[in-house]
Amino acid sequence: MNAAAMRIPAALLAAVAAALAAAAHAGDEHARPAQLAPAYRQECGACHLPYPPAMLPAASWQRLMGNLQHHFGADASLDAATTRALASWVAANAGTSGRVRAAPPEDRITRSAWFVREHHEVPAAAWQRPAVKSTANCSACHARAAEGDFDEHRVRIPR
C-alpha cells in the first residue's frame, strides 16, 4: 500500500475519538450532558433546575411524580396527561448505575450517597452564601447545569 492509502480519514478518526470518549464515561451518567424532554424542561424547569433524570433511580421518580401535590413543600400538580407523560419519561431515563441504584433519603438528589461524596470538600459555609443558598442550587457552581453539564473541571464556587 502507498502512504496515501494508509492515511486514516479525519472523519474516521473523529468518530473513533468520540466513541472512545463515550466509552470512557459509560456508566457515569452524570458526566454526560442530559438530553431533556421539552415538556420536562418546561414544567419542572419552571420552578427549579430540571435535574437530569439519571440522578435518581426510577423508584424515586415514581414516588416524586406520584406525589406532586406535596413536592418538597410545594404543590407542583400537573394535569393527568402531562403527569403520565413525564412520569414515563423520567422512569425511562432514570439512573441505573451502581451509584444511583439506591433511593436517597426523602428521594432528594442532594442526600444521595454519590452527591455527598462528590461534594464532601465543599465547606459547609459555602452552601449558606447568598449566591448559593442551598445544595439544590446546582447552577450556582455549575454554570452549565441547566444543560445537564456538571463537569467538575468547570466548577466555580461563588465567594
C-alpha atoms as a PDB file:
ATOM      1  CA  MET A   1       0.000   0.000   0.000  1.00  0.00           C
ATOM      2  CA  ASN A   2       1.144   3.502  -0.694  1.00  0.00           C
ATOM      3  CA  ALA A   3       1.317   6.206   2.005  1.00  0.00           C
ATOM      4  CA  ALA A   4      -1.869   7.940   0.808  1.00  0.00           C
ATOM      5  CA  ALA A   5      -3.886   4.724   1.122  1.00  0.00           C
ATOM      6  CA  MET A   6      -2.595   4.200   4.667  1.00  0.00           C
ATOM      7  CA  ARG A   7      -3.780   7.600   5.920  1.00  0.00           C
ATOM      8  CA  ILE A   8      -6.833   7.371   8.099  1.00  0.00           C
ATOM      9  CA  PRO A   9      -9.594   9.766   7.051  1.00  0.00           C
ATOM     10  CA  ALA A  10     -10.177  12.600   9.523  1.00  0.00           C
ATOM     11  CA  ALA A  11     -13.876  11.716   9.819  1.00  0.00           C
ATOM     12  CA  LEU A  12     -12.986   8.176  10.891  1.00  0.00           C
ATOM     13  CA  LEU A  13     -10.517   9.489  13.474  1.00  0.00           C
ATOM     14  CA  ALA A  14     -13.155  11.861  14.837  1.00  0.00           C
ATOM     15  CA  ALA A  15     -15.697   9.034  15.079  1.00  0.00           C
ATOM     16  CA  VAL A  16     -13.229   6.791  16.887  1.00  0.00           C
ATOM     17  CA  ALA A  17     -12.316   9.605  19.289  1.00  0.00           C
ATOM     18  CA  ALA A  18     -15.986  10.249  20.034  1.00  0.00           C
ATOM     19  CA  ALA A  19     -16.610   6.547  20.625  1.00  0.00           C
ATOM     20  CA  LEU A  20     -13.632   6.322  22.970  1.00  0.00           C
ATOM     21  CA  ALA A  21     -14.800   9.380  24.893  1.00  0.00           C
ATOM     22  CA  ALA A  22     -18.285   7.901  25.227  1.00  0.00           C
ATOM     23  CA  ALA A  23     -16.850   4.584  26.380  1.00  0.00           C
ATOM     24  CA  ALA A  24     -14.708   6.352  28.965  1.00  0.00           C
ATOM     25  CA  HIS A  25     -17.875   7.775  30.507  1.00  0.00           C
ATOM     26  CA  ALA A  26     -20.068   4.698  30.078  1.00  0.00           C
ATOM     27  CA  GLY A  27     -21.836   4.032  33.338  1.00  0.00           C
ATOM     28  CA  ASP A  28     -21.145   7.554  34.577  1.00  0.00           C
ATOM     29  CA  GLU A  29     -24.483   9.125  33.740  1.00  0.00           C
ATOM     30  CA  HIS A  30     -23.517  12.378  35.434  1.00  0.00           C
ATOM     31  CA  ALA A  31     -20.523  13.043  33.186  1.00  0.00           C
ATOM     32  CA  ARG A  32     -22.629  13.398  30.060  1.00  0.00           C
ATOM     33  CA  PRO A  33     -24.902  16.358  29.379  1.00  0.00           C
ATOM     34  CA  ALA A  34     -28.505  15.237  29.622  1.00  0.00           C
ATOM     35  CA  GLN A  35     -30.904  15.444  26.702  1.00  0.00           C
ATOM     36  CA  LEU A  36     -34.020  16.741  28.420  1.00  0.00           C
ATOM     37  CA  ALA A  37     -37.515  16.357  27.052  1.00  0.00           C
ATOM     38  CA  PRO A  38     -39.013  19.769  26.217  1.00  0.00           C
ATOM     39  CA  ALA A  39     -42.061  19.151  28.459  1.00  0.00           C
ATOM     40  CA  TYR A  40     -39.774  18.191  31.347  1.00  0.00           C
ATOM     41  CA  ARG A  41     -37.620  21.274  30.836  1.00  0.00           C
ATOM     42  CA  GLN A  42     -40.745  23.466  30.656  1.00  0.00           C
ATOM     43  CA  GLU A  43     -42.759  22.018  33.544  1.00  0.00           C
ATOM     44  CA  CYS A  44     -40.043  21.106  36.028  1.00  0.00           C
ATOM     45  CA  GLY A  45     -37.647  23.820  34.937  1.00  0.00           C
ATOM     46  CA  ALA A  46     -40.292  26.480  35.605  1.00  0.00           C
ATOM     47  CA  CYS A  47     -39.600  26.198  39.348  1.00  0.00           C
ATOM     48  CA  HIS A  48     -36.116  24.716  39.636  1.00  0.00           C
ATOM     49  CA  LEU A  49     -33.240  23.311  37.648  1.00  0.00           C
ATOM     50  CA  PRO A  50     -34.576  20.460  35.507  1.00  0.00           C
ATOM     51  CA  TYR A  51     -32.377  17.830  37.145  1.00  0.00           C
ATOM     52  CA  PRO A  52     -31.177  15.093  34.799  1.00  0.00           C
ATOM     53  CA  PRO A  53     -33.322  12.013  35.458  1.00  0.00           C
ATOM     54  CA  ALA A  54     -30.184   9.867  35.734  1.00  0.00           C
ATOM     55  CA  MET A  55     -29.515  11.484  39.108  1.00  0.00           C
ATOM     56  CA  LEU A  56     -32.225   9.353  40.746  1.00  0.00           C
ATOM     57  CA  PRO A  57     -33.370   5.754  40.377  1.00  0.00           C
ATOM     58  CA  ALA A  58     -36.746   5.003  38.790  1.00  0.00           C
ATOM     59  CA  ALA A  59     -38.337   4.205  42.179  1.00  0.00           C
ATOM     60  CA  SER A  60     -37.554   7.729  43.399  1.00  0.00           C
ATOM     61  CA  TRP A  61     -39.008   9.290  40.264  1.00  0.00           C
ATOM     62  CA  GLN A  62     -42.127   7.164  40.615  1.00  0.00           C
ATOM     63  CA  ARG A  63     -42.694   8.429  44.173  1.00  0.00           C
ATOM     64  CA  LEU A  64     -41.945  12.046  43.212  1.00  0.00           C
ATOM     65  CA  MET A  65     -44.245  12.025  40.202  1.00  0.00           C
ATOM     66  CA  GLY A  66     -46.977  10.276  42.187  1.00  0.00           C
ATOM     67  CA  ASN A  67     -46.989  12.945  44.893  1.00  0.00           C
ATOM     68  CA  LEU A  68     -46.602  16.246  43.013  1.00  0.00           C
ATOM     69  CA  GLN A  69     -49.202  17.949  45.202  1.00  0.00           C
ATOM     70  CA  HIS A  70     -46.647  17.648  48.055  1.00  0.00           C
ATOM     71  CA  HIS A  71     -43.424  18.259  46.119  1.00  0.00           C
ATOM     72  CA  PHE A  72     -40.906  19.301  48.760  1.00  0.00           C
ATOM     73  CA  GLY A  73     -43.338  21.711  50.372  1.00  0.00           C
ATOM     74  CA  ALA A  74     -44.940  22.994  47.171  1.00  0.00           C
ATOM     75  CA  ASP A  75     -47.925  21.969  45.087  1.00  0.00           C
ATOM     76  CA  ALA A  76     -46.411  21.066  41.724  1.00  0.00           C
ATOM     77  CA  SER A  77     -49.534  19.326  40.420  1.00  0.00           C
ATOM     78  CA  LEU A  78     -49.913  18.918  36.670  1.00  0.00           C
ATOM     79  CA  ASP A  79     -52.780  17.670  34.572  1.00  0.00           C
ATOM     80  CA  ALA A  80     -53.070  13.879  34.411  1.00  0.00           C
ATOM     81  CA  ALA A  81     -51.838  13.522  30.828  1.00  0.00           C
ATOM     82  CA  THR A  82     -48.727  15.631  31.446  1.00  0.00           C
ATOM     83  CA  THR A  83     -48.016  13.801  34.695  1.00  0.00           C
ATOM     84  CA  ARG A  84     -48.265  10.406  32.947  1.00  0.00           C
ATOM     85  CA  ALA A  85     -46.035  11.513  30.075  1.00  0.00           C
ATOM     86  CA  LEU A  86     -43.388  12.999  32.348  1.00  0.00           C
ATOM     87  CA  ALA A  87     -43.512  10.057  34.761  1.00  0.00           C
ATOM     88  CA  SER A  88     -42.936   7.700  31.860  1.00  0.00           C
ATOM     89  CA  TRP A  89     -40.074   9.803  30.507  1.00  0.00           C
ATOM     90  CA  VAL A  90     -38.215  10.171  33.842  1.00  0.00           C
ATOM     91  CA  ALA A  91     -38.651   6.447  34.547  1.00  0.00           C
ATOM     92  CA  ALA A  92     -37.202   5.569  31.139  1.00  0.00           C
ATOM     93  CA  ASN A  93     -34.253   7.930  31.731  1.00  0.00           C
ATOM     94  CA  ALA A  94     -33.700   7.251  35.427  1.00  0.00           C
ATOM     95  CA  GLY A  95     -30.303   6.348  36.782  1.00  0.00           C
ATOM     96  CA  THR A  96     -29.294   2.712  36.614  1.00  0.00           C
ATOM     97  CA  SER A  97     -25.620   2.815  37.539  1.00  0.00           C
ATOM     98  CA  GLY A  98     -24.459   1.486  40.877  1.00  0.00           C
ATOM     99  CA  ARG A  99     -24.091   4.971  42.279  1.00  0.00           C
ATOM    100  CA  VAL A 100     -27.797   5.791  41.916  1.00  0.00           C
ATOM    101  CA  ARG A 101     -29.370   2.362  42.257  1.00  0.00           C
ATOM    102  CA  ALA A 102     -30.402   3.003  45.878  1.00  0.00           C
ATOM    103  CA  ALA A 103     -33.004   5.679  46.536  1.00  0.00           C
ATOM    104  CA  PRO A 104     -31.632   8.519  48.663  1.00  0.00           C
ATOM    105  CA  PRO A 105     -33.354   9.677  51.858  1.00  0.00           C
ATOM    106  CA  GLU A 106     -36.587  11.509  51.019  1.00  0.00           C
ATOM    107  CA  ASP A 107     -35.774  10.943  47.315  1.00  0.00           C
ATOM    108  CA  ARG A 108     -33.576  14.039  47.470  1.00  0.00           C
ATOM    109  CA  ILE A 109     -30.712  14.159  44.996  1.00  0.00           C
ATOM    110  CA  THR A 110     -28.724  16.233  47.477  1.00  0.00           C
ATOM    111  CA  ARG A 111     -28.991  13.494  50.115  1.00  0.00           C
ATOM    112  CA  SER A 112     -27.787  10.695  47.847  1.00  0.00           C
ATOM    113  CA  ALA A 113     -24.528   8.964  48.715  1.00  0.00           C
ATOM    114  CA  TRP A 114     -22.934   9.950  45.401  1.00  0.00           C
ATOM    115  CA  PHE A 115     -23.913  13.630  45.818  1.00  0.00           C
ATOM    116  CA  VAL A 116     -22.494  13.747  49.341  1.00  0.00           C
ATOM    117  CA  ARG A 117     -19.304  12.010  48.146  1.00  0.00           C
ATOM    118  CA  GLU A 118     -18.893  14.400  45.177  1.00  0.00           C
ATOM    119  CA  HIS A 119     -19.400  17.488  47.362  1.00  0.00           C
ATOM    120  CA  HIS A 120     -17.605  16.452  50.556  1.00  0.00           C
ATOM    121  CA  GLU A 121     -14.852  19.033  50.021  1.00  0.00           C
ATOM    122  CA  VAL A 122     -17.284  21.960  49.786  1.00  0.00           C
ATOM    123  CA  PRO A 123     -17.157  23.849  53.090  1.00  0.00           C
ATOM    124  CA  ALA A 124     -20.480  23.942  54.954  1.00  0.00           C
ATOM    125  CA  ALA A 125     -20.358  27.761  54.924  1.00  0.00           C
ATOM    126  CA  ALA A 126     -20.289  27.776  51.103  1.00  0.00           C
ATOM    127  CA  TRP A 127     -23.818  26.367  50.980  1.00  0.00           C
ATOM    128  CA  GLN A 128     -25.026  29.361  53.015  1.00  0.00           C
ATOM    129  CA  ARG A 129     -23.527  32.046  50.762  1.00  0.00           C
ATOM    130  CA  PRO A 130     -26.132  34.357  49.173  1.00  0.00           C
ATOM    131  CA  ALA A 131     -25.157  33.273  45.662  1.00  0.00           C
ATOM    132  CA  VAL A 132     -25.510  29.583  46.549  1.00  0.00           C
ATOM    133  CA  LYS A 133     -28.315  29.403  49.172  1.00  0.00           C
ATOM    134  CA  SER A 134     -28.666  25.600  49.202  1.00  0.00           C
ATOM    135  CA  THR A 135     -27.312  22.294  47.970  1.00  0.00           C
ATOM    136  CA  ALA A 136     -30.172  22.171  45.456  1.00  0.00           C
ATOM    137  CA  ASN A 137     -28.930  25.272  43.608  1.00  0.00           C
ATOM    138  CA  CYS A 138     -26.606  23.424  41.220  1.00  0.00           C
ATOM    139  CA  SER A 139     -26.394  26.381  38.835  1.00  0.00           C
ATOM    140  CA  ALA A 140     -24.598  28.466  41.455  1.00  0.00           C
ATOM    141  CA  CYS A 141     -21.403  26.451  40.967  1.00  0.00           C
ATOM    142  CA  HIS A 142     -22.110  24.500  37.780  1.00  0.00           C
ATOM    143  CA  ALA A 143     -22.714  27.247  35.212  1.00  0.00           C
ATOM    144  CA  ARG A 144     -23.907  24.735  32.608  1.00  0.00           C
ATOM    145  CA  ALA A 145     -26.149  22.715  34.939  1.00  0.00           C
ATOM    146  CA  ALA A 146     -29.287  23.703  33.005  1.00  0.00           C
ATOM    147  CA  GLU A 147     -27.795  21.848  30.024  1.00  0.00           C
ATOM    148  CA  GLY A 148     -27.063  18.824  32.218  1.00  0.00           C
ATOM    149  CA  ASP A 149     -23.331  19.537  32.337  1.00  0.00           C
ATOM    150  CA  PHE A 150     -21.892  19.037  35.822  1.00  0.00           C
ATOM    151  CA  ASP A 151     -18.256  18.590  34.803  1.00  0.00           C
ATOM    152  CA  GLU A 152     -16.188  19.084  37.947  1.00  0.00           C
ATOM    153  CA  HIS A 153     -13.425  20.769  35.942  1.00  0.00           C
ATOM    154  CA  ARG A 154     -15.714  23.752  35.296  1.00  0.00           C
ATOM    155  CA  VAL A 155     -16.960  24.214  38.871  1.00  0.00           C
ATOM    156  CA  ARG A 156     -16.709  27.741  40.267  1.00  0.00           C
ATOM    157  CA  ILE A 157     -17.907  28.138  43.853  1.00  0.00           C
ATOM    158  CA  PRO A 158     -19.121  31.719  44.417  1.00  0.00           C
ATOM    159  CA  ARG A 159     -17.410  33.726  47.148  1.00  0.00           C
END
